All heavy atoms as atom14 arrays in JSON, in Angstrom:
{
  "sequence": "DGCWFTEWATGYVGHITPDGAIERFPLPDPTSEPHGIAVDDRGAVWVA",
  "atom14_mask": [
    [1, 1, 1, 1, 1, 1, 1, 1, 0, 0, 0, 0, 0, 0],
    [1, 1, 1, 1, 0, 0, 0, 0, 0, 0, 0, 0, 0, 0],
    [1, 1, 1, 1, 1, 1, 0, 0, 0, 0, 0, 0, 0, 0],
    [1, 1, 1, 1, 1, 1, 1, 1, 1, 1, 1, 1, 1, 1],
    [1, 1, 1, 1, 1, 1, 1, 1, 1, 1, 1, 0, 0, 0],
    [1, 1, 1, 1, 1, 1, 1, 0, 0, 0, 0, 0, 0, 0],
    [1, 1, 1, 1, 1, 1, 1, 1, 1, 0, 0, 0, 0, 0],
    [1, 1, 1, 1, 1, 1, 1, 1, 1, 1, 1, 1, 1, 1],
    [1, 1, 1, 1, 1, 0, 0, 0, 0, 0, 0, 0, 0, 0],
    [1, 1, 1, 1, 1, 1, 1, 0, 0, 0, 0, 0, 0, 0],
    [1, 1, 1, 1, 0, 0, 0, 0, 0, 0, 0, 0, 0, 0],
    [1, 1, 1, 1, 1, 1, 1, 1, 1, 1, 1, 1, 0, 0],
    [1, 1, 1, 1, 1, 1, 1, 0, 0, 0, 0, 0, 0, 0],
    [1, 1, 1, 1, 0, 0, 0, 0, 0, 0, 0, 0, 0, 0],
    [1, 1, 1, 1, 1, 1, 1, 1, 1, 1, 0, 0, 0, 0],
    [1, 1, 1, 1, 1, 1, 1, 1, 0, 0, 0, 0, 0, 0],
    [1, 1, 1, 1, 1, 1, 1, 0, 0, 0, 0, 0, 0, 0],
    [1, 1, 1, 1, 1, 1, 1, 0, 0, 0, 0, 0, 0, 0],
    [1, 1, 1, 1, 1, 1, 1, 1, 0, 0, 0, 0, 0, 0],
    [1, 1, 1, 1, 0, 0, 0, 0, 0, 0, 0, 0, 0, 0],
    [1, 1, 1, 1, 1, 0, 0, 0, 0, 0, 0, 0, 0, 0],
    [1, 1, 1, 1, 1, 1, 1, 1, 0, 0, 0, 0, 0, 0],
    [1, 1, 1, 1, 1, 1, 1, 1, 1, 0, 0, 0, 0, 0],
    [1, 1, 1, 1, 1, 1, 1, 1, 1, 1, 1, 0, 0, 0],
    [1, 1, 1, 1, 1, 1, 1, 1, 1, 1, 1, 0, 0, 0],
    [1, 1, 1, 1, 1, 1, 1, 0, 0, 0, 0, 0, 0, 0],
    [1, 1, 1, 1, 1, 1, 1, 1, 0, 0, 0, 0, 0, 0],
    [1, 1, 1, 1, 1, 1, 1, 0, 0, 0, 0, 0, 0, 0],
    [1, 1, 1, 1, 1, 1, 1, 1, 0, 0, 0, 0, 0, 0],
    [1, 1, 1, 1, 1, 1, 1, 0, 0, 0, 0, 0, 0, 0],
    [1, 1, 1, 1, 1, 1, 1, 0, 0, 0, 0, 0, 0, 0],
    [1, 1, 1, 1, 1, 1, 0, 0, 0, 0, 0, 0, 0, 0],
    [1, 1, 1, 1, 1, 1, 1, 1, 1, 0, 0, 0, 0, 0],
    [1, 1, 1, 1, 1, 1, 1, 0, 0, 0, 0, 0, 0, 0],
    [1, 1, 1, 1, 1, 1, 1, 1, 1, 1, 0, 0, 0, 0],
    [1, 1, 1, 1, 0, 0, 0, 0, 0, 0, 0, 0, 0, 0],
    [1, 1, 1, 1, 1, 1, 1, 1, 0, 0, 0, 0, 0, 0],
    [1, 1, 1, 1, 1, 0, 0, 0, 0, 0, 0, 0, 0, 0],
    [1, 1, 1, 1, 1, 1, 1, 0, 0, 0, 0, 0, 0, 0],
    [1, 1, 1, 1, 1, 1, 1, 1, 0, 0, 0, 0, 0, 0],
    [1, 1, 1, 1, 1, 1, 1, 1, 0, 0, 0, 0, 0, 0],
    [1, 1, 1, 1, 1, 1, 1, 1, 1, 1, 1, 0, 0, 0],
    [1, 1, 1, 1, 0, 0, 0, 0, 0, 0, 0, 0, 0, 0],
    [1, 1, 1, 1, 1, 0, 0, 0, 0, 0, 0, 0, 0, 0],
    [1, 1, 1, 1, 1, 1, 1, 0, 0, 0, 0, 0, 0, 0],
    [1, 1, 1, 1, 1, 1, 1, 1, 1, 1, 1, 1, 1, 1],
    [1, 1, 1, 1, 1, 1, 1, 0, 0, 0, 0, 0, 0, 0],
    [1, 1, 1, 1, 1, 0, 0, 0, 0, 0, 0, 0, 0, 0]
  ],
  "atom14_positions": [
    [[-8.89, -0.02, 11.87], [-10.24, -0.59, 11.82], [-10.81, -0.59, 10.4], [-12.02, -0.53, 10.21], [-11.18, 0.16, 12.77], [-11.18, 1.66, 12.5], [-10.4, 2.11, 11.64], [-11.98, 2.38, 13.13], [0.0, 0.0, 0.0], [0.0, 0.0, 0.0], [0.0, 0.0, 0.0], [0.0, 0.0, 0.0], [0.0, 0.0, 0.0], [0.0, 0.0, 0.0]],
    [[-9.95, -0.65, 9.41], [-10.39, -0.65, 8.02], [-9.36, 0.03, 7.14], [-8.17, 0.09, 7.49], [0.0, 0.0, 0.0], [0.0, 0.0, 0.0], [0.0, 0.0, 0.0], [0.0, 0.0, 0.0], [0.0, 0.0, 0.0], [0.0, 0.0, 0.0], [0.0, 0.0, 0.0], [0.0, 0.0, 0.0], [0.0, 0.0, 0.0], [0.0, 0.0, 0.0]],
    [[-9.79, 0.57, 6.02], [-8.9, 1.28, 5.1], [-9.44, 2.67, 4.83], [-10.65, 2.9, 4.82], [-8.78, 0.52, 3.78], [-7.91, -1.06, 3.9], [0.0, 0.0, 0.0], [0.0, 0.0, 0.0], [0.0, 0.0, 0.0], [0.0, 0.0, 0.0], [0.0, 0.0, 0.0], [0.0, 0.0, 0.0], [0.0, 0.0, 0.0], [0.0, 0.0, 0.0]],
    [[-8.52, 3.6, 4.6], [-8.85, 4.98, 4.24], [-8.46, 5.22, 2.8], [-7.44, 4.7, 2.33], [-8.1, 5.95, 5.15], [-8.56, 5.91, 6.58], [-8.13, 5.06, 7.56], [-9.53, 6.76, 7.19], [-8.77, 5.34, 8.74], [-9.65, 6.36, 8.54], [-10.32, 7.81, 6.72], [-10.51, 6.99, 9.43], [-11.19, 8.44, 7.6], [-11.27, 8.02, 8.94]],
    [[-9.24, 6.02, 2.09], [-8.96, 6.29, 0.69], [-9.33, 7.72, 0.33], [-10.12, 8.37, 1.02], [-9.7, 5.3, -0.21], [-11.19, 5.3, -0.06], [-12.0, 6.1, -0.86], [-11.79, 4.5, 0.9], [-13.37, 6.09, -0.71], [-13.18, 4.48, 1.05], [-13.97, 5.29, 0.25], [0.0, 0.0, 0.0], [0.0, 0.0, 0.0], [0.0, 0.0, 0.0]],
    [[-8.72, 8.2, -0.74], [-9.01, 9.55, -1.22], [-9.97, 9.51, -2.39], [-9.96, 8.57, -3.2], [-7.72, 10.27, -1.65], [-7.02, 9.46, -2.61], [-6.82, 10.54, -0.47], [0.0, 0.0, 0.0], [0.0, 0.0, 0.0], [0.0, 0.0, 0.0], [0.0, 0.0, 0.0], [0.0, 0.0, 0.0], [0.0, 0.0, 0.0], [0.0, 0.0, 0.0]],
    [[-10.81, 10.55, -2.48], [-11.7, 10.74, -3.62], [-11.24, 11.99, -4.36], [-11.52, 13.12, -3.96], [-13.16, 10.89, -3.16], [-13.72, 9.64, -2.52], [-15.2, 9.77, -2.2], [-15.82, 10.8, -2.58], [-15.75, 8.86, -1.57], [0.0, 0.0, 0.0], [0.0, 0.0, 0.0], [0.0, 0.0, 0.0], [0.0, 0.0, 0.0], [0.0, 0.0, 0.0]],
    [[-10.5, 11.77, -5.43], [-9.85, 12.85, -6.15], [-10.86, 13.86, -6.69], [-10.66, 15.08, -6.6], [-9.03, 12.23, -7.28], [-8.28, 13.17, -8.15], [-8.0, 14.49, -7.91], [-7.69, 12.86, -9.41], [-7.26, 15.02, -8.93], [-7.05, 14.03, -9.88], [-7.61, 11.71, -10.17], [-6.37, 14.07, -11.09], [-6.92, 11.75, -11.36], [-6.32, 12.92, -11.82]],
    [[-11.97, 13.4, -7.23], [-12.9, 14.29, -7.91], [-13.84, 15.05, -6.99], [-14.4, 16.07, -7.38], [-13.72, 13.5, -8.93], [0.0, 0.0, 0.0], [0.0, 0.0, 0.0], [0.0, 0.0, 0.0], [0.0, 0.0, 0.0], [0.0, 0.0, 0.0], [0.0, 0.0, 0.0], [0.0, 0.0, 0.0], [0.0, 0.0, 0.0], [0.0, 0.0, 0.0]],
    [[-14.02, 14.57, -5.75], [-15.04, 15.17, -4.88], [-14.48, 15.97, -3.72], [-15.21, 16.71, -3.06], [-15.95, 14.07, -4.29], [-15.16, 13.21, -3.46], [-16.62, 13.27, -5.39], [0.0, 0.0, 0.0], [0.0, 0.0, 0.0], [0.0, 0.0, 0.0], [0.0, 0.0, 0.0], [0.0, 0.0, 0.0], [0.0, 0.0, 0.0], [0.0, 0.0, 0.0]],
    [[-13.17, 15.79, -3.42], [-12.62, 16.45, -2.24], [-13.03, 15.79, -0.95], [-13.13, 16.45, 0.09], [0.0, 0.0, 0.0], [0.0, 0.0, 0.0], [0.0, 0.0, 0.0], [0.0, 0.0, 0.0], [0.0, 0.0, 0.0], [0.0, 0.0, 0.0], [0.0, 0.0, 0.0], [0.0, 0.0, 0.0], [0.0, 0.0, 0.0], [0.0, 0.0, 0.0]],
    [[-13.28, 14.49, -0.99], [-13.63, 13.73, 0.21], [-12.53, 12.73, 0.53], [-11.75, 12.31, -0.34], [-14.92, 12.94, -0.01], [-16.21, 13.69, 0.27], [-16.63, 14.72, -0.57], [-17.01, 13.37, 1.36], [-17.81, 15.41, -0.33], [-18.19, 14.04, 1.61], [-18.59, 15.05, 0.76], [-19.77, 15.73, 1.01], [0.0, 0.0, 0.0], [0.0, 0.0, 0.0]],
    [[-12.5, 12.31, 1.8], [-11.74, 11.16, 2.24], [-12.74, 10.11, 2.7], [-13.73, 10.45, 3.38], [-10.77, 11.53, 3.38], [-10.2, 10.28, 4.04], [-9.64, 12.4, 2.84], [0.0, 0.0, 0.0], [0.0, 0.0, 0.0], [0.0, 0.0, 0.0], [0.0, 0.0, 0.0], [0.0, 0.0, 0.0], [0.0, 0.0, 0.0], [0.0, 0.0, 0.0]],
    [[-12.52, 8.87, 2.32], [-13.44, 7.81, 2.68], [-12.8, 6.78, 3.58], [-11.58, 6.64, 3.63], [0.0, 0.0, 0.0], [0.0, 0.0, 0.0], [0.0, 0.0, 0.0], [0.0, 0.0, 0.0], [0.0, 0.0, 0.0], [0.0, 0.0, 0.0], [0.0, 0.0, 0.0], [0.0, 0.0, 0.0], [0.0, 0.0, 0.0], [0.0, 0.0, 0.0]],
    [[-13.67, 6.07, 4.31], [-13.24, 4.96, 5.16], [-14.12, 3.76, 4.87], [-15.35, 3.89, 4.74], [-13.34, 5.34, 6.64], [-12.94, 4.22, 7.56], [-13.85, 3.33, 8.1], [-11.72, 3.84, 8.02], [-13.21, 2.46, 8.86], [-11.92, 2.75, 8.83], [0.0, 0.0, 0.0], [0.0, 0.0, 0.0], [0.0, 0.0, 0.0], [0.0, 0.0, 0.0]],
    [[-13.51, 2.59, 4.74], [-14.25, 1.37, 4.52], [-13.85, 0.33, 5.56], [-12.67, 0.14, 5.84], [-14.04, 0.83, 3.08], [-14.92, -0.39, 2.82], [-12.57, 0.55, 2.78], [-15.01, -0.78, 1.35], [0.0, 0.0, 0.0], [0.0, 0.0, 0.0], [0.0, 0.0, 0.0], [0.0, 0.0, 0.0], [0.0, 0.0, 0.0], [0.0, 0.0, 0.0]],
    [[-14.84, -0.29, 6.17], [-14.58, -1.32, 7.17], [-14.29, -2.65, 6.48], [-14.56, -2.81, 5.28], [-15.79, -1.48, 8.1], [-16.91, -1.96, 7.34], [-16.15, -0.16, 8.77], [0.0, 0.0, 0.0], [0.0, 0.0, 0.0], [0.0, 0.0, 0.0], [0.0, 0.0, 0.0], [0.0, 0.0, 0.0], [0.0, 0.0, 0.0], [0.0, 0.0, 0.0]],
    [[-13.78, -3.64, 7.2], [-13.5, -4.94, 6.57], [-14.73, -5.6, 5.95], [-14.59, -6.4, 5.02], [-12.94, -5.76, 7.73], [-12.3, -4.76, 8.63], [-13.21, -3.57, 8.56], [0.0, 0.0, 0.0], [0.0, 0.0, 0.0], [0.0, 0.0, 0.0], [0.0, 0.0, 0.0], [0.0, 0.0, 0.0], [0.0, 0.0, 0.0], [0.0, 0.0, 0.0]],
    [[-15.92, -5.27, 6.44], [-17.12, -5.86, 5.84], [-17.78, -4.97, 4.8], [-18.89, -5.25, 4.33], [-18.14, -6.25, 6.92], [-18.59, -5.07, 7.76], [-18.12, -3.94, 7.51], [-19.39, -5.28, 8.69], [0.0, 0.0, 0.0], [0.0, 0.0, 0.0], [0.0, 0.0, 0.0], [0.0, 0.0, 0.0], [0.0, 0.0, 0.0], [0.0, 0.0, 0.0]],
    [[-17.13, -3.85, 4.44], [-17.59, -3.06, 3.31], [-18.43, -1.84, 3.63], [-18.92, -1.19, 2.71], [0.0, 0.0, 0.0], [0.0, 0.0, 0.0], [0.0, 0.0, 0.0], [0.0, 0.0, 0.0], [0.0, 0.0, 0.0], [0.0, 0.0, 0.0], [0.0, 0.0, 0.0], [0.0, 0.0, 0.0], [0.0, 0.0, 0.0], [0.0, 0.0, 0.0]],
    [[-18.61, -1.49, 4.9], [-19.36, -0.28, 5.23], [-18.51, 0.95, 4.95], [-17.34, 1.02, 5.37], [-19.79, -0.31, 6.7], [0.0, 0.0, 0.0], [0.0, 0.0, 0.0], [0.0, 0.0, 0.0], [0.0, 0.0, 0.0], [0.0, 0.0, 0.0], [0.0, 0.0, 0.0], [0.0, 0.0, 0.0], [0.0, 0.0, 0.0], [0.0, 0.0, 0.0]],
    [[-19.07, 1.91, 4.24], [-18.32, 3.08, 3.78], [-18.85, 4.35, 4.44], [-20.06, 4.55, 4.55], [-18.42, 3.23, 2.25], [-17.74, 2.03, 1.56], [-17.81, 4.54, 1.77], [-17.96, 1.98, 0.07], [0.0, 0.0, 0.0], [0.0, 0.0, 0.0], [0.0, 0.0, 0.0], [0.0, 0.0, 0.0], [0.0, 0.0, 0.0], [0.0, 0.0, 0.0]],
    [[-17.91, 5.18, 4.91], [-18.23, 6.5, 5.45], [-17.32, 7.51, 4.77], [-16.15, 7.23, 4.51], [-18.03, 6.53, 6.96], [-18.55, 7.78, 7.64], [-18.5, 7.69, 9.16], [-17.94, 6.69, 9.67], [-18.98, 8.63, 9.81], [0.0, 0.0, 0.0], [0.0, 0.0, 0.0], [0.0, 0.0, 0.0], [0.0, 0.0, 0.0], [0.0, 0.0, 0.0]],
    [[-17.85, 8.71, 4.49], [-17.1, 9.73, 3.76], [-17.02, 11.02, 4.57], [-17.96, 11.36, 5.29], [-17.75, 10.0, 2.4], [-17.83, 8.78, 1.53], [-18.79, 8.97, 0.36], [-18.28, 9.92, -0.62], [-18.96, 10.97, -1.05], [-20.16, 11.25, -0.56], [-18.44, 11.78, -1.96], [0.0, 0.0, 0.0], [0.0, 0.0, 0.0], [0.0, 0.0, 0.0]],
    [[-15.89, 11.72, 4.42], [-15.64, 12.94, 5.19], [-15.18, 14.03, 4.24], [-14.16, 13.87, 3.55], [-14.58, 12.69, 6.26], [-14.91, 11.55, 7.18], [-14.5, 10.26, 6.88], [-15.65, 11.77, 8.33], [-14.81, 9.2, 7.72], [-15.96, 10.71, 9.18], [-15.55, 9.43, 8.86], [0.0, 0.0, 0.0], [0.0, 0.0, 0.0], [0.0, 0.0, 0.0]],
    [[-15.88, 15.17, 4.16], [-15.48, 16.23, 3.24], [-14.26, 16.97, 3.75], [-14.13, 17.26, 4.94], [-16.71, 17.14, 3.2], [-17.37, 16.93, 4.52], [-17.13, 15.49, 4.89], [0.0, 0.0, 0.0], [0.0, 0.0, 0.0], [0.0, 0.0, 0.0], [0.0, 0.0, 0.0], [0.0, 0.0, 0.0], [0.0, 0.0, 0.0], [0.0, 0.0, 0.0]],
    [[-13.36, 17.3, 2.84], [-12.23, 18.16, 3.17], [-12.66, 19.62, 3.1], [-13.7, 19.93, 2.51], [-11.07, 17.88, 2.22], [-10.51, 16.45, 2.27], [-9.4, 16.3, 1.24], [-10.02, 16.09, 3.65], [0.0, 0.0, 0.0], [0.0, 0.0, 0.0], [0.0, 0.0, 0.0], [0.0, 0.0, 0.0], [0.0, 0.0, 0.0], [0.0, 0.0, 0.0]],
    [[-11.88, 20.54, 3.72], [-12.31, 21.95, 3.75], [-12.56, 22.55, 2.38], [-13.48, 23.34, 2.2], [-11.15, 22.64, 4.47], [-10.53, 21.58, 5.32], [-10.67, 20.31, 4.54], [0.0, 0.0, 0.0], [0.0, 0.0, 0.0], [0.0, 0.0, 0.0], [0.0, 0.0, 0.0], [0.0, 0.0, 0.0], [0.0, 0.0, 0.0], [0.0, 0.0, 0.0]],
    [[-11.74, 22.17, 1.4], [-11.88, 22.7, 0.05], [-12.29, 21.57, -0.89], [-11.51, 20.65, -1.15], [-10.57, 23.33, -0.42], [-10.63, 23.88, -1.84], [-11.71, 23.79, -2.46], [-9.6, 24.39, -2.31], [0.0, 0.0, 0.0], [0.0, 0.0, 0.0], [0.0, 0.0, 0.0], [0.0, 0.0, 0.0], [0.0, 0.0, 0.0], [0.0, 0.0, 0.0]],
    [[-13.51, 21.59, -1.43], [-13.95, 20.49, -2.3], [-13.18, 20.38, -3.6], [-13.28, 19.37, -4.3], [-15.42, 20.81, -2.55], [-15.55, 22.27, -2.31], [-14.56, 22.6, -1.25], [0.0, 0.0, 0.0], [0.0, 0.0, 0.0], [0.0, 0.0, 0.0], [0.0, 0.0, 0.0], [0.0, 0.0, 0.0], [0.0, 0.0, 0.0], [0.0, 0.0, 0.0]],
    [[-12.41, 21.4, -3.95], [-11.62, 21.38, -5.18], [-10.14, 21.09, -4.93], [-9.31, 21.29, -5.81], [-11.75, 22.72, -5.94], [-11.13, 23.76, -5.16], [-13.21, 23.08, -6.17], [0.0, 0.0, 0.0], [0.0, 0.0, 0.0], [0.0, 0.0, 0.0], [0.0, 0.0, 0.0], [0.0, 0.0, 0.0], [0.0, 0.0, 0.0], [0.0, 0.0, 0.0]],
    [[-9.8, 20.61, -3.75], [-8.39, 20.45, -3.37], [-7.71, 19.27, -4.06], [-6.5, 19.19, -4.09], [-8.27, 20.29, -1.85], [-9.02, 19.16, -1.4], [0.0, 0.0, 0.0], [0.0, 0.0, 0.0], [0.0, 0.0, 0.0], [0.0, 0.0, 0.0], [0.0, 0.0, 0.0], [0.0, 0.0, 0.0], [0.0, 0.0, 0.0], [0.0, 0.0, 0.0]],
    [[-8.47, 18.32, -4.62], [-7.94, 17.16, -5.33], [-6.99, 16.32, -4.46], [-5.78, 16.29, -4.67], [-7.25, 17.59, -6.64], [-8.2, 18.27, -7.61], [-7.59, 18.49, -8.98], [-6.43, 18.1, -9.19], [-8.28, 19.04, -9.85], [0.0, 0.0, 0.0], [0.0, 0.0, 0.0], [0.0, 0.0, 0.0], [0.0, 0.0, 0.0], [0.0, 0.0, 0.0]],
    [[-7.53, 15.57, -3.5], [-6.69, 14.72, -2.66], [-6.13, 13.53, -3.42], [-6.83, 12.9, -4.22], [-7.65, 14.27, -1.55], [-9.01, 14.35, -2.18], [-8.95, 15.52, -3.11], [0.0, 0.0, 0.0], [0.0, 0.0, 0.0], [0.0, 0.0, 0.0], [0.0, 0.0, 0.0], [0.0, 0.0, 0.0], [0.0, 0.0, 0.0], [0.0, 0.0, 0.0]],
    [[-4.86, 13.24, -3.18], [-4.2, 12.12, -3.83], [-3.69, 11.11, -2.79], [-4.37, 10.18, -2.44], [-3.06, 12.62, -4.72], [-3.52, 13.32, -5.95], [-4.03, 12.66, -7.04], [-3.57, 14.64, -6.27], [-4.37, 13.52, -7.97], [-4.09, 14.74, -7.53], [0.0, 0.0, 0.0], [0.0, 0.0, 0.0], [0.0, 0.0, 0.0], [0.0, 0.0, 0.0]],
    [[-2.45, 11.31, -2.3], [-1.86, 10.34, -1.38], [-2.48, 10.38, -0.01], [-3.01, 11.4, 0.44], [0.0, 0.0, 0.0], [0.0, 0.0, 0.0], [0.0, 0.0, 0.0], [0.0, 0.0, 0.0], [0.0, 0.0, 0.0], [0.0, 0.0, 0.0], [0.0, 0.0, 0.0], [0.0, 0.0, 0.0], [0.0, 0.0, 0.0], [0.0, 0.0, 0.0]],
    [[-2.39, 9.24, 0.7], [-2.98, 9.14, 2.03], [-2.16, 8.17, 2.87], [-1.62, 7.18, 2.36], [-4.46, 8.7, 1.92], [-5.18, 8.83, 3.27], [-4.58, 7.28, 1.36], [-6.7, 8.74, 3.14], [0.0, 0.0, 0.0], [0.0, 0.0, 0.0], [0.0, 0.0, 0.0], [0.0, 0.0, 0.0], [0.0, 0.0, 0.0], [0.0, 0.0, 0.0]],
    [[-2.05, 8.47, 4.18], [-1.3, 7.62, 5.11], [-1.89, 7.77, 6.5], [-2.52, 8.78, 6.82], [0.18, 8.0, 5.11], [0.0, 0.0, 0.0], [0.0, 0.0, 0.0], [0.0, 0.0, 0.0], [0.0, 0.0, 0.0], [0.0, 0.0, 0.0], [0.0, 0.0, 0.0], [0.0, 0.0, 0.0], [0.0, 0.0, 0.0], [0.0, 0.0, 0.0]],
    [[-1.66, 6.76, 7.33], [-2.09, 6.79, 8.73], [-0.85, 6.74, 9.6], [0.02, 5.87, 9.42], [-3.02, 5.6, 9.06], [-3.4, 5.59, 10.53], [-4.27, 5.63, 8.18], [0.0, 0.0, 0.0], [0.0, 0.0, 0.0], [0.0, 0.0, 0.0], [0.0, 0.0, 0.0], [0.0, 0.0, 0.0], [0.0, 0.0, 0.0], [0.0, 0.0, 0.0]],
    [[-0.72, 7.7, 10.55], [0.47, 7.72, 11.39], [0.3, 6.8, 12.59], [-0.74, 6.14, 12.78], [0.83, 9.16, 11.79], [-0.18, 9.8, 12.75], [-0.96, 9.09, 13.41], [-0.18, 11.05, 12.84], [0.0, 0.0, 0.0], [0.0, 0.0, 0.0], [0.0, 0.0, 0.0], [0.0, 0.0, 0.0], [0.0, 0.0, 0.0], [0.0, 0.0, 0.0]],
    [[1.36, 6.73, 13.44], [1.34, 5.78, 14.55], [0.4, 6.19, 15.67], [0.22, 5.45, 16.63], [2.76, 5.56, 15.09], [3.44, 6.84, 15.54], [2.78, 7.9, 15.54], [4.63, 6.78, 15.89], [0.0, 0.0, 0.0], [0.0, 0.0, 0.0], [0.0, 0.0, 0.0], [0.0, 0.0, 0.0], [0.0, 0.0, 0.0], [0.0, 0.0, 0.0]],
    [[-0.2, 7.36, 15.57], [-1.21, 7.78, 16.53], [-2.64, 7.57, 16.0], [-3.6, 7.93, 16.68], [-1.01, 9.25, 16.9], [0.33, 9.52, 17.58], [0.44, 10.99, 17.96], [1.72, 11.26, 18.62], [2.07, 12.46, 19.08], [1.25, 13.49, 18.95], [3.25, 12.63, 19.66], [0.0, 0.0, 0.0], [0.0, 0.0, 0.0], [0.0, 0.0, 0.0]],
    [[-2.75, 7.05, 14.8], [-4.05, 6.81, 14.21], [-4.62, 7.96, 13.43], [-5.75, 7.87, 12.93], [0.0, 0.0, 0.0], [0.0, 0.0, 0.0], [0.0, 0.0, 0.0], [0.0, 0.0, 0.0], [0.0, 0.0, 0.0], [0.0, 0.0, 0.0], [0.0, 0.0, 0.0], [0.0, 0.0, 0.0], [0.0, 0.0, 0.0], [0.0, 0.0, 0.0]],
    [[-3.89, 9.08, 13.32], [-4.36, 10.21, 12.52], [-4.16, 9.92, 11.04], [-3.2, 9.24, 10.64], [-3.64, 11.48, 12.91], [0.0, 0.0, 0.0], [0.0, 0.0, 0.0], [0.0, 0.0, 0.0], [0.0, 0.0, 0.0], [0.0, 0.0, 0.0], [0.0, 0.0, 0.0], [0.0, 0.0, 0.0], [0.0, 0.0, 0.0], [0.0, 0.0, 0.0]],
    [[-5.05, 10.43, 10.22], [-5.0, 10.23, 8.77], [-4.42, 11.49, 8.12], [-4.9, 12.6, 8.37], [-6.4, 9.94, 8.21], [-6.35, 9.74, 6.71], [-7.0, 8.72, 8.89], [0.0, 0.0, 0.0], [0.0, 0.0, 0.0], [0.0, 0.0, 0.0], [0.0, 0.0, 0.0], [0.0, 0.0, 0.0], [0.0, 0.0, 0.0], [0.0, 0.0, 0.0]],
    [[-3.42, 11.31, 7.3], [-2.78, 12.42, 6.59], [-3.08, 12.31, 5.11], [-3.0, 11.22, 4.52], [-1.27, 12.4, 6.81], [-0.86, 12.74, 8.21], [-0.91, 11.91, 9.3], [-0.35, 13.98, 8.67], [-0.46, 12.57, 10.41], [-0.11, 13.85, 10.06], [-0.08, 15.2, 8.05], [0.4, 14.87, 10.83], [0.44, 16.23, 8.81], [0.67, 16.07, 10.2]],
    [[-3.42, 13.44, 4.5], [-3.81, 13.47, 3.09], [-2.96, 14.52, 2.37], [-2.83, 15.65, 2.85], [-5.3, 13.81, 2.93], [-5.7, 13.72, 1.46], [-6.16, 12.89, 3.79], [0.0, 0.0, 0.0], [0.0, 0.0, 0.0], [0.0, 0.0, 0.0], [0.0, 0.0, 0.0], [0.0, 0.0, 0.0], [0.0, 0.0, 0.0], [0.0, 0.0, 0.0]],
    [[-2.4, 14.14, 1.23], [-1.68, 15.09, 0.37], [-2.63, 15.57, -0.71], [-3.19, 14.76, -1.45], [-0.46, 14.41, -0.27], [0.0, 0.0, 0.0], [0.0, 0.0, 0.0], [0.0, 0.0, 0.0], [0.0, 0.0, 0.0], [0.0, 0.0, 0.0], [0.0, 0.0, 0.0], [0.0, 0.0, 0.0], [0.0, 0.0, 0.0], [0.0, 0.0, 0.0]]
  ]
}
């Protein structure tokens, strides 16, 4: 239902819909520096 992205500097994962609505989700550690991201066949989002 859109795209997922990582925010390296904030420790958040973001989601954007096809029309540009953005929602952000904090990771447990704000200093974790998320980089890679993928969605599995069950719809779960995985973050490295």
